[in-house]
Amino acid sequence: MTQKDTVRLTVDFPVSLHVFLKMAAAKEGVSMRAYIIESLMYKMEREDKVDLDKEAFRRELAKMTKKDAKLMKDLSDK
């Protein structure tokens, strides 16, 4: 993914829930970013709010998750 393919989205998130988000992402073995994106896409798909190209989305998610898993492993090795 290049910078042209992304947009920054800033969301105020309750401090009290941050730890739960972090634990949920760790349990799935992904970054919080990947967890949030996957959760939002799942919700939109389930509620039929958008017509997604599911195969393209899954490919991009797999690339992102693989990249995040490598980063998490590198960080845990330090």
PDB file of N, CA and C in Angstrom:
ATOM      1  N   MET A   1       0.845  -1.175   0.000  1.00  0.00           N
ATOM      2  CA  MET A   1       0.000   0.000   0.000  1.00  0.00           C
ATOM      3  C   MET A   1       0.894   1.244   0.000  1.00  0.00           C
ATOM      4  N   THR A   2       0.598   2.175  -0.855  1.00  0.00           N
ATOM      5  CA  THR A   2       1.346   3.422  -0.874  1.00  0.00           C
ATOM      6  C   THR A   2       0.571   4.493  -0.128  1.00  0.00           C
ATOM      7  N   GLN A   3       1.224   5.592   0.124  1.00  0.00           N
ATOM      8  CA  GLN A   3       0.555   6.684   0.834  1.00  0.00           C
ATOM      9  C   GLN A   3      -0.651   7.198   0.043  1.00  0.00           C
ATOM     10  N   LYS A   4      -0.586   7.116  -1.286  1.00  0.00           N
ATOM     11  CA  LYS A   4      -1.720   7.555  -2.105  1.00  0.00           C
ATOM     12  C   LYS A   4      -2.936   6.655  -1.930  1.00  0.00           C
ATOM     13  N   ASP A   5      -2.708   5.425  -1.461  1.00  0.00           N
ATOM     14  CA  ASP A   5      -3.791   4.460  -1.287  1.00  0.00           C
ATOM     15  C   ASP A   5      -4.434   4.538   0.085  1.00  0.00           C
ATOM     16  N   THR A   6      -3.994   5.455   0.923  1.00  0.00           N
ATOM     17  CA  THR A   6      -4.507   5.521   2.287  1.00  0.00           C
ATOM     18  C   THR A   6      -4.963   6.936   2.615  1.00  0.00           C
ATOM     19  N   VAL A   7      -5.734   7.020   3.669  1.00  0.00           N
ATOM     20  CA  VAL A   7      -6.150   8.312   4.200  1.00  0.00           C
ATOM     21  C   VAL A   7      -6.073   8.196   5.716  1.00  0.00           C
ATOM     22  N   ARG A   8      -5.612   9.212   6.376  1.00  0.00           N
ATOM     23  CA  ARG A   8      -5.505   9.192   7.838  1.00  0.00           C
ATOM     24  C   ARG A   8      -6.859   9.549   8.429  1.00  0.00           C
ATOM     25  N   LEU A   9      -7.266   8.751   9.397  1.00  0.00           N
ATOM     26  CA  LEU A   9      -8.527   8.959  10.095  1.00  0.00           C
ATOM     27  C   LEU A   9      -8.209   9.029  11.578  1.00  0.00           C
ATOM     28  N   THR A  10      -8.540  10.129  12.211  1.00  0.00           N
ATOM     29  CA  THR A  10      -8.283  10.301  13.632  1.00  0.00           C
ATOM     30  C   THR A  10      -9.584  10.130  14.391  1.00  0.00           C
ATOM     31  N   VAL A  11      -9.545   9.269  15.398  1.00  0.00           N
ATOM     32  CA  VAL A  11     -10.731   8.980  16.195  1.00  0.00           C
ATOM     33  C   VAL A  11     -10.362   9.124  17.659  1.00  0.00           C
ATOM     34  N   ASP A  12     -11.163   9.868  18.408  1.00  0.00           N
ATOM     35  CA  ASP A  12     -10.979   9.948  19.861  1.00  0.00           C
ATOM     36  C   ASP A  12     -11.565   8.680  20.460  1.00  0.00           C
ATOM     37  N   PHE A  13     -10.741   7.964  21.218  1.00  0.00           N
ATOM     38  CA  PHE A  13     -11.131   6.680  21.772  1.00  0.00           C
ATOM     39  C   PHE A  13     -10.993   6.729  23.282  1.00  0.00           C
ATOM     40  N   PRO A  14     -11.970   6.248  24.029  1.00  0.00           N
ATOM     41  CA  PRO A  14     -11.898   6.322  25.494  1.00  0.00           C
ATOM     42  C   PRO A  14     -10.674   5.584  26.048  1.00  0.00           C
ATOM     43  N   VAL A  15      -9.949   6.243  26.908  1.00  0.00           N
ATOM     44  CA  VAL A  15      -8.755   5.657  27.518  1.00  0.00           C
ATOM     45  C   VAL A  15      -9.106   4.343  28.208  1.00  0.00           C
ATOM     46  N   SER A  16     -10.246   4.309  28.869  1.00  0.00           N
ATOM     47  CA  SER A  16     -10.640   3.116  29.615  1.00  0.00           C
ATOM     48  C   SER A  16     -10.837   1.895  28.716  1.00  0.00           C
ATOM     49  N   LEU A  17     -11.129   2.097  27.427  1.00  0.00           N
ATOM     50  CA  LEU A  17     -11.339   0.978  26.517  1.00  0.00           C
ATOM     51  C   LEU A  17     -10.096   0.611  25.716  1.00  0.00           C
ATOM     52  N   HIS A  18      -9.082   1.449  25.760  1.00  0.00           N
ATOM     53  CA  HIS A  18      -7.867   1.222  24.978  1.00  0.00           C
ATOM     54  C   HIS A  18      -7.226  -0.118  25.319  1.00  0.00           C
ATOM     55  N   VAL A  19      -7.158  -0.440  26.602  1.00  0.00           N
ATOM     56  CA  VAL A  19      -6.520  -1.693  27.015  1.00  0.00           C
ATOM     57  C   VAL A  19      -7.281  -2.894  26.467  1.00  0.00           C
ATOM     58  N   PHE A  20      -8.603  -2.815  26.394  1.00  0.00           N
ATOM     59  CA  PHE A  20      -9.390  -3.917  25.853  1.00  0.00           C
ATOM     60  C   PHE A  20      -9.155  -4.078  24.351  1.00  0.00           C
ATOM     61  N   LEU A  21      -9.040  -2.973  23.650  1.00  0.00           N
ATOM     62  CA  LEU A  21      -8.735  -3.015  22.227  1.00  0.00           C
ATOM     63  C   LEU A  21      -7.370  -3.650  22.005  1.00  0.00           C
ATOM     64  N   LYS A  22      -6.407  -3.250  22.805  1.00  0.00           N
ATOM     65  CA  LYS A  22      -5.048  -3.783  22.687  1.00  0.00           C
ATOM     66  C   LYS A  22      -5.032  -5.288  22.954  1.00  0.00           C
ATOM     67  N   MET A  23      -5.769  -5.737  23.978  1.00  0.00           N
ATOM     68  CA  MET A  23      -5.818  -7.168  24.302  1.00  0.00           C
ATOM     69  C   MET A  23      -6.509  -7.961  23.191  1.00  0.00           C
ATOM     70  N   ALA A  24      -7.588  -7.417  22.647  1.00  0.00           N
ATOM     71  CA  ALA A  24      -8.309  -8.114  21.579  1.00  0.00           C
ATOM     72  C   ALA A  24      -7.428  -8.278  20.348  1.00  0.00           C
ATOM     73  N   ALA A  25      -6.699  -7.230  20.002  1.00  0.00           N
ATOM     74  CA  ALA A  25      -5.797  -7.291  18.848  1.00  0.00           C
ATOM     75  C   ALA A  25      -4.680  -8.303  19.102  1.00  0.00           C
ATOM     76  N   ALA A  26      -4.108  -8.282  20.297  1.00  0.00           N
ATOM     77  CA  ALA A  26      -3.033  -9.218  20.634  1.00  0.00           C
ATOM     78  C   ALA A  26      -3.540 -10.654  20.576  1.00  0.00           C
ATOM     79  N   LYS A  27      -4.737 -10.875  21.049  1.00  0.00           N
ATOM     80  CA  LYS A  27      -5.329 -12.216  21.021  1.00  0.00           C
ATOM     81  C   LYS A  27      -5.455 -12.727  19.592  1.00  0.00           C
ATOM     82  N   GLU A  28      -5.756 -11.823  18.663  1.00  0.00           N
ATOM     83  CA  GLU A  28      -5.863 -12.191  17.250  1.00  0.00           C
ATOM     84  C   GLU A  28      -4.497 -12.228  16.559  1.00  0.00           C
ATOM     85  N   GLY A  29      -3.474 -11.701  17.238  1.00  0.00           N
ATOM     86  CA  GLY A  29      -2.129 -11.694  16.665  1.00  0.00           C
ATOM     87  C   GLY A  29      -1.925 -10.633  15.609  1.00  0.00           C
ATOM     88  N   VAL A  30      -2.678  -9.530  15.720  1.00  0.00           N
ATOM     89  CA  VAL A  30      -2.565  -8.438  14.748  1.00  0.00           C
ATOM     90  C   VAL A  30      -2.391  -7.118  15.491  1.00  0.00           C
ATOM     91  N   SER A  31      -2.035  -6.095  14.756  1.00  0.00           N
ATOM     92  CA  SER A  31      -1.924  -4.769  15.350  1.00  0.00           C
ATOM     93  C   SER A  31      -3.313  -4.215  15.640  1.00  0.00           C
ATOM     94  N   MET A  32      -3.370  -3.190  16.469  1.00  0.00           N
ATOM     95  CA  MET A  32      -4.662  -2.551  16.737  1.00  0.00           C
ATOM     96  C   MET A  32      -5.227  -1.976  15.442  1.00  0.00           C
ATOM     97  N   ARG A  33      -4.375  -1.439  14.596  1.00  0.00           N
ATOM     98  CA  ARG A  33      -4.808  -0.883  13.310  1.00  0.00           C
ATOM     99  C   ARG A  33      -5.515  -1.948  12.482  1.00  0.00           C
ATOM    100  N   ALA A  34      -4.864  -3.111  12.339  1.00  0.00           N
ATOM    101  CA  ALA A  34      -5.446  -4.197  11.544  1.00  0.00           C
ATOM    102  C   ALA A  34      -6.746  -4.687  12.182  1.00  0.00           C
ATOM    103  N   TYR A  35      -6.769  -4.768  13.497  1.00  0.00           N
ATOM    104  CA  TYR A  35      -7.956  -5.233  14.205  1.00  0.00           C
ATOM    105  C   TYR A  35      -9.135  -4.290  13.973  1.00  0.00           C
ATOM    106  N   ILE A  36      -8.878  -3.000  14.060  1.00  0.00           N
ATOM    107  CA  ILE A  36      -9.939  -2.013  13.859  1.00  0.00           C
ATOM    108  C   ILE A  36     -10.461  -2.065  12.426  1.00  0.00           C
ATOM    109  N   ILE A  37      -9.557  -2.104  11.461  1.00  0.00           N
ATOM    110  CA  ILE A  37      -9.970  -2.134  10.057  1.00  0.00           C
ATOM    111  C   ILE A  37     -10.781  -3.393   9.777  1.00  0.00           C
ATOM    112  N   GLU A  38     -10.279  -4.543  10.231  1.00  0.00           N
ATOM    113  CA  GLU A  38     -10.991  -5.797   9.990  1.00  0.00           C
ATOM    114  C   GLU A  38     -12.363  -5.779  10.658  1.00  0.00           C
ATOM    115  N   SER A  39     -12.441  -5.259  11.865  1.00  0.00           N
ATOM    116  CA  SER A  39     -13.717  -5.195  12.590  1.00  0.00           C
ATOM    117  C   SER A  39     -14.723  -4.305  11.868  1.00  0.00           C
ATOM    118  N   LEU A  40     -14.268  -3.158  11.401  1.00  0.00           N
ATOM    119  CA  LEU A  40     -15.171  -2.252  10.685  1.00  0.00           C
ATOM    120  C   LEU A  40     -15.660  -2.867   9.381  1.00  0.00           C
ATOM    121  N   MET A  41     -14.747  -3.503   8.646  1.00  0.00           N
ATOM    122  CA  MET A  41     -15.146  -4.112   7.383  1.00  0.00           C
ATOM    123  C   MET A  41     -16.123  -5.262   7.625  1.00  0.00           C
ATOM    124  N   TYR A  42     -15.883  -6.046   8.668  1.00  0.00           N
ATOM    125  CA  TYR A  42     -16.792  -7.144   9.006  1.00  0.00           C
ATOM    126  C   TYR A  42     -18.185  -6.591   9.326  1.00  0.00           C
ATOM    127  N   LYS A  43     -18.235  -5.543  10.112  1.00  0.00           N
ATOM    128  CA  LYS A  43     -19.521  -4.950  10.483  1.00  0.00           C
ATOM    129  C   LYS A  43     -20.247  -4.424   9.243  1.00  0.00           C
ATOM    130  N   MET A  44     -19.526  -3.751   8.367  1.00  0.00           N
ATOM    131  CA  MET A  44     -20.160  -3.210   7.161  1.00  0.00           C
ATOM    132  C   MET A  44     -20.651  -4.332   6.250  1.00  0.00           C
ATOM    133  N   GLU A  45     -19.855  -5.392   6.120  1.00  0.00           N
ATOM    134  CA  GLU A  45     -20.276  -6.520   5.293  1.00  0.00           C
ATOM    135  C   GLU A  45     -21.525  -7.178   5.875  1.00  0.00           C
ATOM    136  N   ARG A  46     -21.502  -7.408   7.173  1.00  0.00           N
ATOM    137  CA  ARG A  46     -22.593  -8.108   7.846  1.00  0.00           C
ATOM    138  C   ARG A  46     -23.887  -7.321   7.758  1.00  0.00           C
ATOM    139  N   GLU A  47     -23.797  -6.026   7.848  1.00  0.00           N
ATOM    140  CA  GLU A  47     -24.996  -5.190   7.807  1.00  0.00           C
ATOM    141  C   GLU A  47     -25.348  -4.736   6.396  1.00  0.00           C
ATOM    142  N   ASP A  48     -24.585  -5.240   5.426  1.00  0.00           N
ATOM    143  CA  ASP A  48     -24.820  -4.885   4.025  1.00  0.00           C
ATOM    144  C   ASP A  48     -24.876  -3.382   3.797  1.00  0.00           C
ATOM    145  N   LYS A  49     -24.014  -2.655   4.501  1.00  0.00           N
ATOM    146  CA  LYS A  49     -23.983  -1.201   4.341  1.00  0.00           C
ATOM    147  C   LYS A  49     -23.252  -0.799   3.072  1.00  0.00           C
ATOM    148  N   VAL A  50     -22.317  -1.623   2.652  1.00  0.00           N
ATOM    149  CA  VAL A  50     -21.568  -1.334   1.437  1.00  0.00           C
ATOM    150  C   VAL A  50     -21.406  -2.618   0.641  1.00  0.00           C
ATOM    151  N   ASP A  51     -21.233  -2.465  -0.649  1.00  0.00           N
ATOM    152  CA  ASP A  51     -20.976  -3.611  -1.516  1.00  0.00           C
ATOM    153  C   ASP A  51     -19.471  -3.705  -1.685  1.00  0.00           C
ATOM    154  N   LEU A  52     -18.863  -4.648  -0.985  1.00  0.00           N
ATOM    155  CA  LEU A  52     -17.414  -4.766  -1.000  1.00  0.00           C
ATOM    156  C   LEU A  52     -16.959  -5.838  -1.980  1.00  0.00           C
ATOM    157  N   ASP A  53     -15.830  -5.587  -2.609  1.00  0.00           N
ATOM    158  CA  ASP A  53     -15.161  -6.631  -3.371  1.00  0.00           C
ATOM    159  C   ASP A  53     -14.423  -7.473  -2.334  1.00  0.00           C
ATOM    160  N   LYS A  54     -15.086  -8.501  -1.839  1.00  0.00           N
ATOM    161  CA  LYS A  54     -14.583  -9.260  -0.695  1.00  0.00           C
ATOM    162  C   LYS A  54     -13.227  -9.897  -0.976  1.00  0.00           C
ATOM    163  N   GLU A  55     -13.023 -10.389  -2.176  1.00  0.00           N
ATOM    164  CA  GLU A  55     -11.750 -11.044  -2.484  1.00  0.00           C
ATOM    165  C   GLU A  55     -10.598 -10.032  -2.473  1.00  0.00           C
ATOM    166  N   ALA A  56     -10.806  -8.865  -3.065  1.00  0.00           N
ATOM    167  CA  ALA A  56      -9.768  -7.826  -3.052  1.00  0.00           C
ATOM    168  C   ALA A  56      -9.496  -7.367  -1.627  1.00  0.00           C
ATOM    169  N   PHE A  57     -10.558  -7.205  -0.837  1.00  0.00           N
ATOM    170  CA  PHE A  57     -10.387  -6.799   0.549  1.00  0.00           C
ATOM    171  C   PHE A  57      -9.588  -7.847   1.320  1.00  0.00           C
ATOM    172  N   ARG A  58      -9.912  -9.105   1.141  1.00  0.00           N
ATOM    173  CA  ARG A  58      -9.219 -10.180   1.862  1.00  0.00           C
ATOM    174  C   ARG A  58      -7.733 -10.224   1.473  1.00  0.00           C
ATOM    175  N   ARG A  59      -7.423 -10.000   0.201  1.00  0.00           N
ATOM    176  CA  ARG A  59      -6.010  -9.973  -0.223  1.00  0.00           C
ATOM    177  C   ARG A  59      -5.261  -8.842   0.467  1.00  0.00           C
ATOM    178  N   GLU A  60      -5.861  -7.644   0.474  1.00  0.00           N
ATOM    179  CA  GLU A  60      -5.211  -6.500   1.113  1.00  0.00           C
ATOM    180  C   GLU A  60      -5.073  -6.718   2.615  1.00  0.00           C
ATOM    181  N   LEU A  61      -6.102  -7.269   3.243  1.00  0.00           N
ATOM    182  CA  LEU A  61      -6.049  -7.540   4.675  1.00  0.00           C
ATOM    183  C   LEU A  61      -4.959  -8.561   4.989  1.00  0.00           C
ATOM    184  N   ALA A  62      -4.834  -9.585   4.159  1.00  0.00           N
ATOM    185  CA  ALA A  62      -3.791 -10.601   4.368  1.00  0.00           C
ATOM    186  C   ALA A  62      -2.405  -9.972   4.282  1.00  0.00           C
ATOM    187  N   LYS A  63      -2.196  -9.089   3.302  1.00  0.00           N
ATOM    188  CA  LYS A  63      -0.897  -8.402   3.190  1.00  0.00           C
ATOM    189  C   LYS A  63      -0.634  -7.548   4.419  1.00  0.00           C
ATOM    190  N   MET A  64      -1.628  -6.804   4.845  1.00  0.00           N
ATOM    191  CA  MET A  64      -1.479  -5.916   5.994  1.00  0.00           C
ATOM    192  C   MET A  64      -1.220  -6.726   7.264  1.00  0.00           C
ATOM    193  N   THR A  65      -1.959  -7.805   7.449  1.00  0.00           N
ATOM    194  CA  THR A  65      -1.808  -8.636   8.637  1.00  0.00           C
ATOM    195  C   THR A  65      -0.428  -9.282   8.665  1.00  0.00           C
ATOM    196  N   LYS A  66       0.043  -9.745   7.523  1.00  0.00           N
ATOM    197  CA  LYS A  66       1.374 -10.353   7.444  1.00  0.00           C
ATOM    198  C   LYS A  66       2.444  -9.331   7.819  1.00  0.00           C
ATOM    199  N   LYS A  67       2.297  -8.120   7.286  1.00  0.00           N
ATOM    200  CA  LYS A  67       3.242  -7.044   7.591  1.00  0.00           C
ATOM    201  C   LYS A  67       3.193  -6.704   9.086  1.00  0.00           C
ATOM    202  N   ASP A  68       1.994  -6.595   9.653  1.00  0.00           N
ATOM    203  CA  ASP A  68       1.848  -6.282  11.074  1.00  0.00           C
ATOM    204  C   ASP A  68       2.400  -7.404  11.949  1.00  0.00           C
ATOM    205  N   ALA A  69       2.209  -8.666  11.539  1.00  0.00           N
ATOM    206  CA  ALA A  69       2.718  -9.798  12.316  1.00  0.00           C
ATOM    207  C   ALA A  69       4.239  -9.760  12.363  1.00  0.00           C
ATOM    208  N   LYS A  70       4.876  -9.430  11.242  1.00  0.00           N
ATOM    209  CA  LYS A  70       6.337  -9.330  11.210  1.00  0.00           C
ATOM    210  C   LYS A  70       6.802  -8.203  12.128  1.00  0.00           C
ATOM    211  N   LEU A  71       6.123  -7.070  12.080  1.00  0.00           N
ATOM    212  CA  LEU A  71       6.482  -5.942  12.935  1.00  0.00           C
ATOM    213  C   LEU A  71       6.331  -6.322  14.409  1.00  0.00           C
ATOM    214  N   MET A  72       5.226  -6.981  14.751  1.00  0.00           N
ATOM    215  CA  MET A  72       5.019  -7.375  16.149  1.00  0.00           C
ATOM    216  C   MET A  72       6.100  -8.356  16.596  1.00  0.00           C
ATOM    217  N   LYS A  73       6.496  -9.303  15.733  1.00  0.00           N
ATOM    218  CA  LYS A  73       7.539 -10.251  16.080  1.00  0.00           C
ATOM    219  C   LYS A  73       8.861  -9.520  16.283  1.00  0.00           C
ATOM    220  N   ASP A  74       9.174  -8.603  15.370  1.00  0.00           N
ATOM    221  CA  ASP A  74      10.415  -7.829  15.494  1.00  0.00           C
ATOM    222  C   ASP A  74      10.439  -7.042  16.802  1.00  0.00           C
ATOM    223  N   LEU A  75       9.320  -6.443  17.163  1.00  0.00           N
ATOM    224  CA  LEU A  75       9.257  -5.678  18.403  1.00  0.00           C
ATOM    225  C   LEU A  75       9.374  -6.571  19.637  1.00  0.00           C
ATOM    226  N   SER A  76       8.768  -7.759  19.581  1.00  0.00           N
ATOM    227  CA  SER A  76       8.837  -8.660  20.735  1.00  0.00           C
ATOM    228  C   SER A  76      10.215  -9.251  20.914  1.00  0.00           C
ATOM    229  N   ASP A  77      10.999  -9.307  19.840  1.00  0.00           N
ATOM    230  CA  ASP A  77      12.359  -9.834  19.920  1.00  0.00           C
ATOM    231  C   ASP A  77      13.323  -8.856  20.560  1.00  0.00           C
ATOM    232  N   LYS A  78      12.916  -7.593  20.672  1.00  0.00           N
ATOM    233  CA  LYS A  78      13.799  -6.565  21.223  1.00  0.00           C
ATOM    234  C   LYS A  78      13.715  -6.506  22.714  1.00  0.00           C
TER     235      LYS A  78
END
